[in-house]
């Protein structure tokens, strides 16, 4: 299961509205990173792949591929604004180490 804060939902809806396509799906996943083994990736897409799982979070369908889901199951996605601007914040119970920016992470001390 994936959780989105109300602030994250509002920001995702705002970003999707800018694309003028209310049918777009919000994809959340991971990809290799230079800093630590994995980093988070977020995109909008029109379709679902065979190995995807879809989670309904309020008004948003969150699509996650099976491989990424192993690394981010239980993740809470938040959005906040501060003096440096706004940004998404990832609270991943599976991450044992994160980089300073909060976008890259490690699943075990050996990675």
Foldseek 3Di string as FASTA:
>chain_A
DEAEDPQRVVVVVVVVVVVVDLQWAKEWFWDQDPPEGIFIDIDTDNDADPQWDWDDHPSHIYIYGPVRCVQAVVKYWYWDADPVGIDIAIDGPQFPDADPVRGGGDRDPVD
